[in-house]
C-alpha atoms as a PDB file:
ATOM      1  CA  MET A   1     117.461  97.812 217.938  1.00  0.00           C
ATOM      2  CA  ILE A   2     117.942  94.204 216.766  1.00  0.00           C
ATOM      3  CA  GLN A   3     115.272  93.026 219.208  1.00  0.00           C
ATOM      4  CA  ASP A   4     112.852  95.663 217.861  1.00  0.00           C
ATOM      5  CA  ILE A   5     113.434  94.393 214.337  1.00  0.00           C
ATOM      6  CA  ARG A   6     112.948  90.779 215.417  1.00  0.00           C
ATOM      7  CA  LYS A   7     109.703  91.670 217.219  1.00  0.00           C
ATOM      8  CA  ARG A   8     108.391  93.492 214.144  1.00  0.00           C
ATOM      9  CA  MET A   9     109.339  90.547 211.944  1.00  0.00           C
ATOM     10  CA  LYS A  10     107.533  88.167 214.285  1.00  0.00           C
ATOM     11  CA  ASP A  11     104.378  90.284 214.380  1.00  0.00           C
ATOM     12  CA  LYS A  12     104.088  91.043 210.642  1.00  0.00           C
ATOM     13  CA  THR A  13     104.452  89.071 207.452  1.00  0.00           C
ATOM     14  CA  ILE A  14     106.881  90.077 204.718  1.00  0.00           C
ATOM     15  CA  ASP A  15     104.081  90.757 202.254  1.00  0.00           C
ATOM     16  CA  TYR A  16     102.335  92.977 204.826  1.00  0.00           C
ATOM     17  CA  VAL A  17     105.475  95.120 205.226  1.00  0.00           C
ATOM     18  CA  LEU A  18     105.985  95.295 201.449  1.00  0.00           C
ATOM     19  CA  ARG A  19     102.338  96.202 200.823  1.00  0.00           C
ATOM     20  CA  THR A  20     102.026  98.854 203.538  1.00  0.00           C
ATOM     21  CA  THR A  21     105.363 100.429 202.620  1.00  0.00           C
ATOM     22  CA  TRP A  22     104.404 100.559 198.946  1.00  0.00           C
ATOM     23  CA  LEU A  23     100.979 102.013 199.789  1.00  0.00           C
ATOM     24  CA  ALA A  24     102.666 104.749 201.852  1.00  0.00           C
ATOM     25  CA  VAL A  25     105.047 105.546 198.969  1.00  0.00           C
ATOM     26  CA  GLN A  26     102.146 105.550 196.514  1.00  0.00           C
ATOM     27  CA  LYS A  27     100.094 107.870 198.749  1.00  0.00           C
ATOM     28  CA  MET A  28     103.055 110.236 199.130  1.00  0.00           C
ATOM     29  CA  TYR A  29     103.618 110.383 195.359  1.00  0.00           C
ATOM     30  CA  ASN A  30      99.884 110.785 194.622  1.00  0.00           C
ATOM     31  CA  GLU A  31      99.640 113.700 197.062  1.00  0.00           C
ATOM     32  CA  GLU A  32     102.601 115.391 195.387  1.00  0.00           C
ATOM     33  CA  ALA A  33     101.364 114.581 191.858  1.00  0.00           C
ATOM     34  CA  SER A  34      97.914 116.012 192.612  1.00  0.00           C
ATOM     35  CA  GLU A  35      99.542 119.453 192.876  1.00  0.00           C
ATOM     36  CA  TYR A  36     100.315 119.104 189.153  1.00  0.00           C
ATOM     37  CA  GLY A  37      96.918 117.663 188.241  1.00  0.00           C
ATOM     38  CA  ILE A  38      98.230 114.138 187.663  1.00  0.00           C
ATOM     39  CA  THR A  39      98.578 110.860 189.576  1.00  0.00           C
ATOM     40  CA  MET A  40     101.530 108.680 190.423  1.00  0.00           C
ATOM     41  CA  ALA A  41     100.551 106.322 187.581  1.00  0.00           C
ATOM     42  CA  THR A  42     100.476 109.120 185.020  1.00  0.00           C
ATOM     43  CA  GLY A  43     103.790 110.455 186.350  1.00  0.00           C
ATOM     44  CA  PHE A  44     105.342 106.999 186.078  1.00  0.00           C
ATOM     45  CA  THR A  45     104.087 106.819 182.501  1.00  0.00           C
ATOM     46  CA  LEU A  46     105.668 110.184 181.672  1.00  0.00           C
ATOM     47  CA  LEU A  47     108.982 108.866 183.004  1.00  0.00           C
ATOM     48  CA  SER A  48     108.653 105.738 180.866  1.00  0.00           C
ATOM     49  CA  VAL A  49     108.294 107.615 177.581  1.00  0.00           C
ATOM     50  CA  ASP A  50     111.556 108.370 175.775  1.00  0.00           C
ATOM     51  CA  PRO A  51     111.688 112.187 175.821  1.00  0.00           C
ATOM     52  CA  GLN A  52     113.578 112.488 172.515  1.00  0.00           C
ATOM     53  CA  ASN A  53     112.298 109.691 170.282  1.00  0.00           C
ATOM     54  CA  GLY A  54     108.991 108.719 171.820  1.00  0.00           C
ATOM     55  CA  THR A  55     108.119 105.157 172.758  1.00  0.00           C
ATOM     56  CA  PRO A  56     106.047 102.577 170.864  1.00  0.00           C
ATOM     57  CA  SER A  57     102.718 102.205 172.633  1.00  0.00           C
ATOM     58  CA  THR A  58     103.052  98.417 172.541  1.00  0.00           C
ATOM     59  CA  SER A  59     106.292  98.470 174.526  1.00  0.00           C
ATOM     60  CA  LEU A  60     105.074 100.802 177.296  1.00  0.00           C
ATOM     61  CA  GLY A  61     102.913  98.205 179.062  1.00  0.00           C
ATOM     62  CA  PRO A  62     105.640  95.576 179.438  1.00  0.00           C
ATOM     63  CA  LYS A  63     108.190  98.269 180.324  1.00  0.00           C
ATOM     64  CA  MET A  64     105.952  99.473 183.155  1.00  0.00           C
ATOM     65  CA  GLY A  65     104.631  96.062 184.189  1.00  0.00           C
ATOM     66  CA  MET A  66     101.047  97.090 183.397  1.00  0.00           C
ATOM     67  CA  GLU A  67      98.119  95.509 181.658  1.00  0.00           C
ATOM     68  CA  ALA A  68      97.102  97.046 178.328  1.00  0.00           C
ATOM     69  CA  THR A  69      93.663  98.160 179.567  1.00  0.00           C
ATOM     70  CA  SER A  70      95.078 100.087 182.528  1.00  0.00           C
ATOM     71  CA  LEU A  71      97.720 101.673 180.335  1.00  0.00           C
ATOM     72  CA  SER A  72      95.092 102.660 177.731  1.00  0.00           C
ATOM     73  CA  ARG A  73      93.172 104.625 180.369  1.00  0.00           C
ATOM     74  CA  ILE A  74      96.342 106.375 181.540  1.00  0.00           C
ATOM     75  CA  LEU A  75      97.355 107.248 177.970  1.00  0.00           C
ATOM     76  CA  LYS A  76      93.860 108.619 177.296  1.00  0.00           C
ATOM     77  CA  THR A  77      94.133 110.786 180.426  1.00  0.00           C
ATOM     78  CA  LEU A  78      97.590 112.036 179.425  1.00  0.00           C
ATOM     79  CA  GLU A  79      96.292 112.811 175.945  1.00  0.00           C
ATOM     80  CA  ASP A  80      93.286 114.686 177.379  1.00  0.00           C
ATOM     81  CA  LEU A  81      95.714 116.713 179.529  1.00  0.00           C
ATOM     82  CA  SER A  82      97.790 117.458 176.384  1.00  0.00           C
ATOM     83  CA  LEU A  83     100.854 115.835 177.964  1.00  0.00           C
ATOM     84  CA  ILE A  84     101.336 113.275 175.183  1.00  0.00           C
ATOM     85  CA  GLU A  85     100.475 112.856 171.545  1.00  0.00           C
ATOM     86  CA  ARG A  86     100.191 109.701 169.502  1.00  0.00           C
ATOM     87  CA  LEU A  87     102.061 109.795 166.205  1.00  0.00           C
ATOM     88  CA  PRO A  88     102.481 107.149 163.501  1.00  0.00           C
ATOM     89  CA  ASN A  89     105.619 105.072 163.902  1.00  0.00           C
ATOM     90  CA  PRO A  90     107.782 105.814 160.836  1.00  0.00           C
ATOM     91  CA  ASN A  91     109.447 102.388 161.184  1.00  0.00           C
ATOM     92  CA  ASP A  92     106.170 100.461 161.458  1.00  0.00           C
ATOM     93  CA  GLY A  93     103.147 101.732 159.560  1.00  0.00           C
ATOM     94  CA  ARG A  94     100.804  99.848 161.881  1.00  0.00           C
ATOM     95  CA  GLY A  95     102.388 101.143 165.093  1.00  0.00           C
ATOM     96  CA  VAL A  96     101.985 104.294 167.145  1.00  0.00           C
ATOM     97  CA  LEU A  97     104.671 106.221 168.992  1.00  0.00           C
ATOM     98  CA  ILE A  98     103.848 108.030 172.209  1.00  0.00           C
ATOM     99  CA  HIS A  99     105.575 111.422 172.276  1.00  0.00           C
ATOM    100  CA  LEU A 100     105.652 113.937 175.083  1.00  0.00           C
ATOM    101  CA  THR A 101     104.315 117.400 174.327  1.00  0.00           C
ATOM    102  CA  GLU A 102     106.055 120.508 175.633  1.00  0.00           C
ATOM    103  CA  SER A 103     103.815 120.345 178.733  1.00  0.00           C
ATOM    104  CA  GLY A 104     104.530 116.622 179.015  1.00  0.00           C
ATOM    105  CA  LEU A 105     108.271 117.266 178.986  1.00  0.00           C
ATOM    106  CA  LYS A 106     107.861 119.900 181.709  1.00  0.00           C
ATOM    107  CA  ASN A 107     105.734 117.571 183.849  1.00  0.00           C
ATOM    108  CA  ARG A 108     108.168 114.716 183.229  1.00  0.00           C
ATOM    109  CA  GLU A 109     111.029 116.825 184.542  1.00  0.00           C
ATOM    110  CA  GLU A 110     109.052 117.721 187.694  1.00  0.00           C
ATOM    111  CA  VAL A 111     108.202 114.057 188.269  1.00  0.00           C
ATOM    112  CA  LYS A 112     111.837 113.087 187.726  1.00  0.00           C
ATOM    113  CA  GLN A 113     113.006 115.669 190.277  1.00  0.00           C
ATOM    114  CA  ASN A 114     110.533 114.282 192.847  1.00  0.00           C
ATOM    115  CA  VAL A 115     111.757 110.720 192.290  1.00  0.00           C
ATOM    116  CA  LEU A 116     115.370 111.868 192.609  1.00  0.00           C
ATOM    117  CA  LYS A 117     114.514 113.748 195.807  1.00  0.00           C
ATOM    118  CA  PHE A 118     112.870 110.621 197.279  1.00  0.00           C
ATOM    119  CA  ASN A 119     115.963 108.572 196.444  1.00  0.00           C
ATOM    120  CA  SER A 120     118.301 111.225 197.827  1.00  0.00           C
ATOM    121  CA  VAL A 121     116.460 111.464 201.156  1.00  0.00           C
ATOM    122  CA  ILE A 122     116.377 107.679 201.535  1.00  0.00           C
ATOM    123  CA  LYS A 123     120.102 107.462 200.744  1.00  0.00           C
ATOM    124  CA  THR A 124     120.905 110.048 203.436  1.00  0.00           C
ATOM    125  CA  GLU A 125     118.822 108.188 206.026  1.00  0.00           C
ATOM    126  CA  VAL A 126     119.724 104.572 205.179  1.00  0.00           C
ATOM    127  CA  SER A 127     123.281 103.285 204.961  1.00  0.00           C
ATOM    128  CA  GLU A 128     124.636 101.960 201.684  1.00  0.00           C
ATOM    129  CA  GLU A 129     125.009  98.532 203.294  1.00  0.00           C
ATOM    130  CA  LYS A 130     121.332  98.443 204.310  1.00  0.00           C
ATOM    131  CA  LEU A 131     120.246  99.634 200.864  1.00  0.00           C
ATOM    132  CA  ASN A 132     122.340  96.901 199.262  1.00  0.00           C
ATOM    133  CA  HIS A 133     120.612  94.333 201.505  1.00  0.00           C
ATOM    134  CA  PHE A 134     117.231  95.816 200.560  1.00  0.00           C
ATOM    135  CA  PHE A 135     118.031  95.425 196.854  1.00  0.00           C
ATOM    136  CA  GLU A 136     119.357  91.891 197.394  1.00  0.00           C
ATOM    137  CA  VAL A 137     116.185  90.852 199.228  1.00  0.00           C
ATOM    138  CA  SER A 138     114.007  92.540 196.582  1.00  0.00           C
ATOM    139  CA  ASP A 139     115.890  90.743 193.799  1.00  0.00           C
ATOM    140  CA  CYS A 140     115.504  87.439 195.633  1.00  0.00           C
ATOM    141  CA  ILE A 141     111.744  87.960 196.030  1.00  0.00           C
ATOM    142  CA  MET A 142     111.390  88.920 192.345  1.00  0.00           C
ATOM    143  CA  ASN A 143     113.367  85.840 191.261  1.00  0.00           C
ATOM    144  CA  LEU A 144     111.302  83.532 193.461  1.00  0.00           C
ATOM    145  CA  ILE A 145     108.116  84.957 191.991  1.00  0.00           C
ATOM    146  CA  SER A 146     109.257  84.983 188.358  1.00  0.00           C
ATOM    147  CA  ASN A 147     110.571  81.413 188.647  1.00  0.00           C
ATOM    148  CA  LYS A 148     107.251  80.347 190.195  1.00  0.00           C
ATOM    149  CA  LYS A 149     108.942  78.996 193.315  1.00  0.00           C
ATOM    150  CA  ILE A 150     106.217  80.245 195.648  1.00  0.00           C
ATOM    151  CA  PHE A 151     102.968  79.379 193.853  1.00  0.00           C
END
């Protein structure tokens, strides 16, 4: 087992493993989301909107790690699907709050259940110790990137 891991590490770069794993996760979520007429990105957006109070449109992008133009397209799609509505922010006359519609709340719950199922299956297949190492390595990579220690 250890030798298999070492061979895989020798043959592939860390970014290759991260990228291909993420692409597989993304494909899995997109296939599931397509059954509800949405994409992984729109599902992720539904999860990022506060279901009770709505979320200011200006804070969604940073919260999701997305550029404003990409988020604008997703919000337009969600609005066209009647999953969200844009309402004036009562605390900021210039701002807009994104609120989930009844259909949006229903879709959000389905998306949430799928994410929880993914996590549950992974947790049954991967030991807590290995998951902790995964999170430690992920945190290390994120810190190296955010502190510009790579490029």
